[in-house]
Amino acid sequence: MGLQNLKNNPGARKKPARRGRGSGSGTGGTAGRGHKGQRARTSGNVRPGFEGGQMPLTRRIPKRGFNNKNFKIFFEVVNLRQLDVFNDGDSVSPAELLAKGLIKKNNSRVKILGDGEIKKSLSVKAHAFSGSAGKKIEESKGKIEIIKK
């Protein structure tokens, strides 16, 4: 038994169909393209969505809504219960949040949300605060500072 004697199993390799090679091949004559018409010609396919000159469906249907993704401001959110990792009297800024792993990017905007309770007095700097988060921080004798960006 050598490499020169190895063979594929029967039926493992199938020869490709040779279109347009006479009537005996089964795909002679029109070569499986039907009779005449645009798609029977060489390079006779049209781009997706083309409807033969008729106004395409994507242009006939009315457009609705508004997309403001180019100007949308994305925030990384941090809940108050996540701020328990800081000690009493600490100053919390986006750099400290990044160091503790509470946000993912250094240059992203941070919004503090009011989910949870805060028992420590922290000085929190962020780009935005929810109303409840600001109240809870100030009730616990902490400070909030909004960063302008």
N, C-alpha and C. Protein backbone atom coordinates (compact mmCIF):
# COMPACT_ATOMS: atom_id res chain seq x y z
N MET A 1 0.85 -1.19 0.00
CA MET A 1 0.00 0.00 0.00
C MET A 1 0.89 1.24 0.00
N GLY A 2 0.79 2.03 -1.00
CA GLY A 2 1.57 3.25 -1.09
C GLY A 2 0.67 4.40 -1.47
N LEU A 3 1.21 5.62 -1.40
CA LEU A 3 0.42 6.81 -1.75
C LEU A 3 -0.07 6.75 -3.18
N GLN A 4 0.70 6.11 -4.05
CA GLN A 4 0.31 6.05 -5.45
C GLN A 4 -0.90 5.14 -5.67
N ASN A 5 -1.27 4.33 -4.69
CA ASN A 5 -2.39 3.40 -4.84
C ASN A 5 -3.67 3.90 -4.19
N LEU A 6 -3.62 5.07 -3.50
CA LEU A 6 -4.82 5.57 -2.83
C LEU A 6 -5.83 6.07 -3.85
N LYS A 7 -7.12 5.76 -3.60
CA LYS A 7 -8.20 6.19 -4.49
C LYS A 7 -9.35 6.70 -3.64
N ASN A 8 -10.12 7.62 -4.21
CA ASN A 8 -11.33 8.10 -3.53
C ASN A 8 -12.37 7.02 -3.52
N ASN A 9 -13.30 7.13 -2.53
CA ASN A 9 -14.44 6.22 -2.50
C ASN A 9 -15.31 6.46 -3.72
N PRO A 10 -16.04 5.44 -4.17
CA PRO A 10 -16.93 5.64 -5.33
C PRO A 10 -17.99 6.70 -5.01
N GLY A 11 -18.13 7.66 -5.91
CA GLY A 11 -19.12 8.74 -5.74
C GLY A 11 -18.60 9.93 -4.95
N ALA A 12 -17.36 9.88 -4.49
CA ALA A 12 -16.83 10.99 -3.71
C ALA A 12 -16.52 12.20 -4.58
N ARG A 13 -16.15 11.97 -5.83
CA ARG A 13 -15.83 13.07 -6.75
C ARG A 13 -16.79 13.02 -7.91
N LYS A 14 -17.41 14.18 -8.19
CA LYS A 14 -18.36 14.26 -9.28
C LYS A 14 -17.85 15.23 -10.32
N LYS A 15 -17.90 14.85 -11.57
CA LYS A 15 -17.42 15.74 -12.62
C LYS A 15 -18.39 16.90 -12.80
N PRO A 16 -17.88 18.13 -13.02
CA PRO A 16 -18.78 19.26 -13.22
C PRO A 16 -19.55 19.15 -14.51
N ALA A 17 -20.78 19.72 -14.50
CA ALA A 17 -21.61 19.68 -15.71
C ALA A 17 -20.97 20.53 -16.79
N ARG A 18 -20.86 19.98 -18.00
CA ARG A 18 -20.32 20.74 -19.13
C ARG A 18 -21.50 21.18 -19.98
N ARG A 19 -21.87 22.43 -19.80
CA ARG A 19 -23.08 22.93 -20.46
C ARG A 19 -22.79 23.30 -21.91
N GLY A 20 -23.82 23.10 -22.72
CA GLY A 20 -23.73 23.49 -24.12
C GLY A 20 -22.80 22.62 -24.94
N ARG A 21 -22.70 21.33 -24.63
CA ARG A 21 -21.80 20.43 -25.35
C ARG A 21 -22.57 19.35 -26.12
N GLY A 22 -23.70 19.72 -26.68
CA GLY A 22 -24.44 18.79 -27.52
C GLY A 22 -25.63 18.20 -26.80
N SER A 23 -26.58 17.67 -27.58
CA SER A 23 -27.84 17.19 -27.02
C SER A 23 -27.64 15.95 -26.16
N GLY A 24 -26.61 15.18 -26.40
CA GLY A 24 -26.38 13.96 -25.62
C GLY A 24 -25.96 14.25 -24.20
N SER A 25 -25.47 15.44 -23.91
CA SER A 25 -24.99 15.75 -22.57
C SER A 25 -26.11 16.07 -21.60
N GLY A 26 -27.30 16.34 -22.11
CA GLY A 26 -28.41 16.71 -21.25
C GLY A 26 -28.53 18.20 -21.03
N THR A 27 -27.45 18.94 -21.26
CA THR A 27 -27.51 20.40 -21.14
C THR A 27 -27.00 21.04 -22.42
N GLY A 28 -27.35 20.47 -23.54
CA GLY A 28 -26.96 21.05 -24.82
C GLY A 28 -27.96 22.10 -25.25
N GLY A 29 -27.80 22.63 -26.40
CA GLY A 29 -28.75 23.60 -26.94
C GLY A 29 -28.71 24.90 -26.18
N THR A 30 -29.67 25.09 -25.28
CA THR A 30 -29.75 26.36 -24.56
C THR A 30 -28.89 26.35 -23.29
N ALA A 31 -28.24 25.23 -22.99
CA ALA A 31 -27.33 25.12 -21.85
C ALA A 31 -27.99 25.47 -20.53
N GLY A 32 -29.26 25.12 -20.37
CA GLY A 32 -29.95 25.34 -19.10
C GLY A 32 -30.41 26.75 -18.87
N ARG A 33 -30.34 27.61 -19.90
CA ARG A 33 -30.73 29.01 -19.74
C ARG A 33 -32.12 29.31 -20.25
N GLY A 34 -32.83 28.33 -20.73
CA GLY A 34 -34.15 28.58 -21.30
C GLY A 34 -34.02 29.16 -22.69
N HIS A 35 -35.12 29.74 -23.21
CA HIS A 35 -35.11 30.27 -24.57
C HIS A 35 -35.14 31.79 -24.58
N LYS A 36 -34.20 32.40 -25.21
CA LYS A 36 -34.12 33.85 -25.43
C LYS A 36 -34.23 34.66 -24.13
N GLY A 37 -34.43 35.93 -24.23
CA GLY A 37 -34.58 36.80 -23.07
C GLY A 37 -33.26 37.29 -22.52
N GLN A 38 -33.34 38.28 -21.65
CA GLN A 38 -32.14 38.93 -21.14
C GLN A 38 -31.24 37.96 -20.38
N ARG A 39 -31.83 37.10 -19.58
CA ARG A 39 -31.02 36.20 -18.76
C ARG A 39 -30.43 35.05 -19.55
N ALA A 40 -30.85 34.87 -20.78
CA ALA A 40 -30.26 33.82 -21.60
C ALA A 40 -28.96 34.28 -22.25
N ARG A 41 -28.73 35.58 -22.25
CA ARG A 41 -27.54 36.13 -22.92
C ARG A 41 -26.32 36.06 -22.02
N THR A 42 -25.17 36.18 -22.66
CA THR A 42 -23.93 36.29 -21.89
C THR A 42 -23.96 37.61 -21.13
N SER A 43 -23.55 37.56 -19.89
CA SER A 43 -23.61 38.71 -18.97
C SER A 43 -24.99 39.34 -18.98
N GLY A 44 -26.02 38.49 -18.90
CA GLY A 44 -27.39 38.97 -18.99
C GLY A 44 -28.05 39.16 -17.65
N ASN A 45 -27.32 39.05 -16.56
CA ASN A 45 -27.95 39.26 -15.26
C ASN A 45 -27.99 40.75 -14.94
N VAL A 46 -28.93 41.13 -14.09
CA VAL A 46 -29.08 42.52 -13.70
C VAL A 46 -28.79 42.64 -12.21
N ARG A 47 -28.52 43.84 -11.75
CA ARG A 47 -28.17 44.04 -10.35
C ARG A 47 -29.37 43.73 -9.44
N PRO A 48 -29.13 43.39 -8.19
CA PRO A 48 -30.23 43.12 -7.27
C PRO A 48 -31.13 44.34 -7.11
N GLY A 49 -32.42 44.13 -7.12
CA GLY A 49 -33.38 45.22 -6.96
C GLY A 49 -33.81 45.84 -8.27
N PHE A 50 -33.15 45.52 -9.39
CA PHE A 50 -33.53 46.08 -10.69
C PHE A 50 -34.78 45.38 -11.16
N GLU A 51 -35.79 46.16 -11.60
CA GLU A 51 -37.07 45.59 -12.00
C GLU A 51 -37.38 45.93 -13.46
N GLY A 52 -36.37 45.91 -14.30
CA GLY A 52 -36.60 46.11 -15.73
C GLY A 52 -36.96 47.52 -16.10
N GLY A 53 -36.59 48.50 -15.31
CA GLY A 53 -36.91 49.89 -15.61
C GLY A 53 -38.09 50.40 -14.82
N GLN A 54 -38.93 49.49 -14.31
CA GLN A 54 -40.01 49.90 -13.42
C GLN A 54 -39.39 50.47 -12.15
N MET A 55 -40.08 51.42 -11.53
CA MET A 55 -39.57 52.01 -10.29
C MET A 55 -39.43 50.91 -9.23
N PRO A 56 -38.24 50.69 -8.71
CA PRO A 56 -38.03 49.57 -7.79
C PRO A 56 -38.84 49.71 -6.50
N LEU A 57 -39.12 48.56 -5.90
CA LEU A 57 -39.93 48.53 -4.70
C LEU A 57 -39.33 49.39 -3.59
N THR A 58 -38.01 49.36 -3.46
CA THR A 58 -37.38 50.14 -2.40
C THR A 58 -37.56 51.64 -2.59
N ARG A 59 -37.81 52.06 -3.80
CA ARG A 59 -38.05 53.49 -4.04
C ARG A 59 -39.53 53.83 -4.08
N ARG A 60 -40.40 52.82 -4.28
CA ARG A 60 -41.84 53.08 -4.32
C ARG A 60 -42.44 53.23 -2.93
N ILE A 61 -41.86 52.54 -1.95
CA ILE A 61 -42.43 52.55 -0.61
C ILE A 61 -42.03 53.85 0.10
N PRO A 62 -42.99 54.51 0.79
CA PRO A 62 -42.64 55.77 1.45
C PRO A 62 -41.62 55.56 2.56
N LYS A 63 -40.75 56.52 2.70
CA LYS A 63 -39.71 56.46 3.73
C LYS A 63 -40.25 57.12 5.00
N ARG A 64 -39.93 56.52 6.14
CA ARG A 64 -40.42 57.06 7.40
C ARG A 64 -39.29 57.13 8.40
N GLY A 65 -39.43 58.00 9.37
CA GLY A 65 -38.47 58.05 10.46
C GLY A 65 -37.30 58.96 10.16
N PHE A 66 -36.41 58.99 11.11
CA PHE A 66 -35.26 59.88 11.04
C PHE A 66 -34.12 59.19 11.74
N ASN A 67 -32.95 59.22 11.16
CA ASN A 67 -31.78 58.57 11.75
C ASN A 67 -30.73 59.63 12.08
N ASN A 68 -30.42 59.75 13.34
CA ASN A 68 -29.49 60.78 13.79
C ASN A 68 -28.18 60.17 14.29
N LYS A 69 -27.81 59.00 13.72
CA LYS A 69 -26.67 58.27 14.27
C LYS A 69 -25.35 59.04 14.15
N ASN A 70 -25.24 59.96 13.20
CA ASN A 70 -23.98 60.68 13.04
C ASN A 70 -23.72 61.65 14.19
N PHE A 71 -24.79 62.09 14.86
CA PHE A 71 -24.64 63.10 15.89
C PHE A 71 -25.06 62.59 17.27
N LYS A 72 -25.43 61.32 17.38
CA LYS A 72 -25.87 60.77 18.65
C LYS A 72 -24.70 60.74 19.62
N ILE A 73 -24.97 61.09 20.86
CA ILE A 73 -23.93 61.07 21.89
C ILE A 73 -24.12 59.79 22.70
N PHE A 74 -23.09 58.95 22.72
CA PHE A 74 -23.15 57.70 23.44
C PHE A 74 -22.52 57.88 24.83
N PHE A 75 -23.18 57.33 25.83
CA PHE A 75 -22.69 57.37 27.20
C PHE A 75 -22.41 55.96 27.68
N GLU A 76 -21.38 55.83 28.50
CA GLU A 76 -21.21 54.59 29.27
C GLU A 76 -21.88 54.84 30.60
N VAL A 77 -22.77 53.94 31.00
CA VAL A 77 -23.56 54.17 32.21
C VAL A 77 -22.96 53.42 33.39
N VAL A 78 -23.02 54.06 34.54
CA VAL A 78 -22.57 53.47 35.80
C VAL A 78 -23.68 53.71 36.82
N ASN A 79 -24.11 52.64 37.49
CA ASN A 79 -25.15 52.76 38.51
C ASN A 79 -24.52 53.06 39.86
N LEU A 80 -25.32 53.67 40.75
CA LEU A 80 -24.82 54.05 42.07
C LEU A 80 -24.32 52.84 42.85
N ARG A 81 -24.99 51.70 42.72
CA ARG A 81 -24.57 50.52 43.48
C ARG A 81 -23.17 50.05 43.09
N GLN A 82 -22.73 50.41 41.87
CA GLN A 82 -21.39 50.03 41.43
C GLN A 82 -20.30 50.90 42.08
N LEU A 83 -20.69 52.05 42.64
CA LEU A 83 -19.72 52.96 43.24
C LEU A 83 -19.30 52.52 44.64
N ASP A 84 -19.81 51.37 45.11
CA ASP A 84 -19.42 50.86 46.43
C ASP A 84 -17.95 50.43 46.48
N VAL A 85 -17.31 50.28 45.32
CA VAL A 85 -15.90 49.86 45.31
C VAL A 85 -14.98 50.98 45.78
N PHE A 86 -15.49 52.21 45.87
CA PHE A 86 -14.68 53.34 46.31
C PHE A 86 -14.82 53.53 47.81
N ASN A 87 -13.80 54.12 48.42
CA ASN A 87 -13.81 54.39 49.87
C ASN A 87 -14.51 55.70 50.15
N ASP A 88 -14.90 55.88 51.39
CA ASP A 88 -15.58 57.09 51.82
C ASP A 88 -14.66 58.30 51.61
N GLY A 89 -15.17 59.36 50.97
CA GLY A 89 -14.40 60.56 50.72
C GLY A 89 -13.58 60.56 49.45
N ASP A 90 -13.62 59.47 48.69
CA ASP A 90 -12.85 59.40 47.44
C ASP A 90 -13.43 60.33 46.38
N SER A 91 -12.55 60.72 45.46
CA SER A 91 -12.96 61.48 44.28
C SER A 91 -13.10 60.50 43.12
N VAL A 92 -14.29 60.48 42.51
CA VAL A 92 -14.57 59.52 41.44
C VAL A 92 -14.66 60.28 40.13
N SER A 93 -13.78 59.92 39.19
CA SER A 93 -13.79 60.54 37.86
C SER A 93 -13.75 59.42 36.82
N PRO A 94 -13.93 59.74 35.54
CA PRO A 94 -13.86 58.69 34.52
C PRO A 94 -12.56 57.90 34.54
N ALA A 95 -11.44 58.54 34.88
CA ALA A 95 -10.17 57.82 34.95
C ALA A 95 -10.20 56.76 36.05
N GLU A 96 -10.77 57.10 37.23
CA GLU A 96 -10.87 56.13 38.32
C GLU A 96 -11.84 55.01 37.96
N LEU A 97 -12.95 55.37 37.29
CA LEU A 97 -13.92 54.35 36.87
C LEU A 97 -13.27 53.36 35.89
N LEU A 98 -12.42 53.88 35.01
CA LEU A 98 -11.72 53.01 34.06
C LEU A 98 -10.74 52.09 34.79
N ALA A 99 -10.05 52.65 35.78
CA ALA A 99 -9.08 51.85 36.54
C ALA A 99 -9.77 50.73 37.31
N LYS A 100 -10.98 50.96 37.80
CA LYS A 100 -11.72 49.93 38.55
C LYS A 100 -12.48 48.99 37.62
N GLY A 101 -12.47 49.27 36.30
CA GLY A 101 -13.14 48.39 35.34
C GLY A 101 -14.64 48.63 35.23
N LEU A 102 -15.12 49.79 35.68
CA LEU A 102 -16.56 50.07 35.59
C LEU A 102 -16.95 50.63 34.23
N ILE A 103 -16.00 51.21 33.50
CA ILE A 103 -16.24 51.63 32.11
C ILE A 103 -15.15 51.01 31.24
N LYS A 104 -15.40 51.00 29.94
CA LYS A 104 -14.48 50.29 29.04
C LYS A 104 -13.49 51.21 28.32
N LYS A 105 -13.92 52.43 27.99
CA LYS A 105 -13.05 53.30 27.19
C LYS A 105 -12.67 54.53 27.99
N ASN A 106 -11.48 55.03 27.73
CA ASN A 106 -10.96 56.18 28.46
C ASN A 106 -11.63 57.48 28.02
N ASN A 107 -11.90 57.62 26.73
CA ASN A 107 -12.38 58.90 26.22
C ASN A 107 -13.90 58.94 26.06
N SER A 108 -14.63 57.96 26.61
CA SER A 108 -16.08 57.95 26.45
C SER A 108 -16.73 58.83 27.52
N ARG A 109 -17.95 59.24 27.22
CA ARG A 109 -18.71 60.05 28.18
C ARG A 109 -19.37 59.13 29.19
N VAL A 110 -19.48 59.59 30.42
CA VAL A 110 -20.00 58.76 31.51
C VAL A 110 -21.27 59.39 32.06
N LYS A 111 -22.29 58.54 32.26
CA LYS A 111 -23.52 58.99 32.90
C LYS A 111 -23.75 58.13 34.14
N ILE A 112 -24.04 58.78 35.24
CA ILE A 112 -24.30 58.08 36.49
C ILE A 112 -25.82 57.95 36.65
N LEU A 113 -26.28 56.72 36.84
CA LEU A 113 -27.70 56.45 37.01
C LEU A 113 -27.99 56.11 38.47
N GLY A 114 -29.25 56.28 38.87
CA GLY A 114 -29.61 56.19 40.28
C GLY A 114 -30.03 54.82 40.76
N ASP A 115 -29.67 53.74 40.09
CA ASP A 115 -30.06 52.40 40.52
C ASP A 115 -29.20 51.98 41.71
N GLY A 116 -29.83 51.66 42.83
CA GLY A 116 -29.10 51.26 44.02
C GLY A 116 -28.99 52.39 45.02
N GLU A 117 -28.35 52.08 46.13
CA GLU A 117 -28.17 53.07 47.20
C GLU A 117 -26.68 53.38 47.35
N ILE A 118 -26.39 54.57 47.85
CA ILE A 118 -25.01 54.96 48.12
C ILE A 118 -24.93 55.42 49.58
N LYS A 119 -24.00 54.83 50.33
CA LYS A 119 -23.88 55.14 51.75
C LYS A 119 -22.61 55.92 52.06
N LYS A 120 -21.76 56.11 51.05
CA LYS A 120 -20.50 56.81 51.24
C LYS A 120 -20.60 58.20 50.65
N SER A 121 -19.85 59.14 51.21
CA SER A 121 -19.84 60.49 50.63
C SER A 121 -18.70 60.55 49.62
N LEU A 122 -19.07 60.61 48.37
CA LEU A 122 -18.11 60.61 47.27
C LEU A 122 -18.23 61.91 46.50
N SER A 123 -17.11 62.36 45.96
CA SER A 123 -17.12 63.49 45.04
C SER A 123 -17.06 62.90 43.63
N VAL A 124 -18.19 62.95 42.91
CA VAL A 124 -18.32 62.25 41.64
C VAL A 124 -18.28 63.25 40.50
N LYS A 125 -17.37 63.02 39.55
CA LYS A 125 -17.29 63.83 38.33
C LYS A 125 -17.72 62.96 37.16
N ALA A 126 -18.70 63.44 36.40
CA ALA A 126 -19.17 62.69 35.22
C ALA A 126 -19.75 63.69 34.23
N HIS A 127 -20.04 63.20 33.04
CA HIS A 127 -20.58 64.06 31.98
C HIS A 127 -22.08 64.29 32.16
N ALA A 128 -22.78 63.34 32.83
CA ALA A 128 -24.22 63.50 33.04
C ALA A 128 -24.63 62.68 34.26
N PHE A 129 -25.71 63.14 34.91
CA PHE A 129 -26.28 62.44 36.05
C PHE A 129 -27.78 62.35 35.84
N SER A 130 -28.37 61.22 36.22
CA SER A 130 -29.83 61.18 36.23
C SER A 130 -30.30 61.97 37.44
N GLY A 131 -31.57 62.39 37.46
CA GLY A 131 -32.08 63.20 38.56
C GLY A 131 -31.97 62.48 39.89
N SER A 132 -32.34 61.19 39.90
CA SER A 132 -32.30 60.45 41.17
C SER A 132 -30.88 60.21 41.63
N ALA A 133 -29.94 60.02 40.70
CA ALA A 133 -28.55 59.79 41.09
C ALA A 133 -27.98 61.05 41.74
N GLY A 134 -28.24 62.21 41.15
CA GLY A 134 -27.74 63.46 41.73
C GLY A 134 -28.28 63.68 43.14
N LYS A 135 -29.59 63.41 43.34
CA LYS A 135 -30.19 63.59 44.67
C LYS A 135 -29.56 62.64 45.69
N LYS A 136 -29.41 61.38 45.31
CA LYS A 136 -28.88 60.38 46.26
C LYS A 136 -27.44 60.69 46.65
N ILE A 137 -26.64 61.16 45.70
CA ILE A 137 -25.24 61.50 46.02
C ILE A 137 -25.19 62.68 46.98
N GLU A 138 -26.01 63.70 46.72
CA GLU A 138 -26.00 64.87 47.59
C GLU A 138 -26.61 64.58 48.96
N GLU A 139 -27.59 63.65 49.03
CA GLU A 139 -28.17 63.26 50.32
C GLU A 139 -27.15 62.53 51.19
N SER A 140 -26.20 61.83 50.55
CA SER A 140 -25.18 61.12 51.31
C SER A 140 -23.96 62.02 51.57
N LYS A 141 -24.17 63.33 51.49
CA LYS A 141 -23.14 64.36 51.74
C LYS A 141 -21.98 64.28 50.75
N GLY A 142 -22.29 63.86 49.54
CA GLY A 142 -21.29 63.85 48.48
C GLY A 142 -21.47 65.04 47.55
N LYS A 143 -20.60 65.17 46.59
CA LYS A 143 -20.67 66.26 45.62
C LYS A 143 -20.78 65.69 44.22
N ILE A 144 -21.47 66.42 43.35
CA ILE A 144 -21.50 66.04 41.93
C ILE A 144 -20.90 67.19 41.13
N GLU A 145 -20.14 66.82 40.11
CA GLU A 145 -19.54 67.81 39.23
C GLU A 145 -19.72 67.34 37.79
N ILE A 146 -20.33 68.18 36.98
CA ILE A 146 -20.59 67.82 35.58
C ILE A 146 -19.40 68.25 34.74
N ILE A 147 -18.85 67.31 34.00
CA ILE A 147 -17.71 67.58 33.12
C ILE A 147 -18.25 68.06 31.78
N LYS A 148 -17.78 69.20 31.32
CA LYS A 148 -18.17 69.71 30.00
C LYS A 148 -17.24 69.12 28.95
N LYS A 149 -17.80 68.61 27.88
CA LYS A 149 -16.96 68.02 26.84
C LYS A 149 -17.38 68.49 25.48
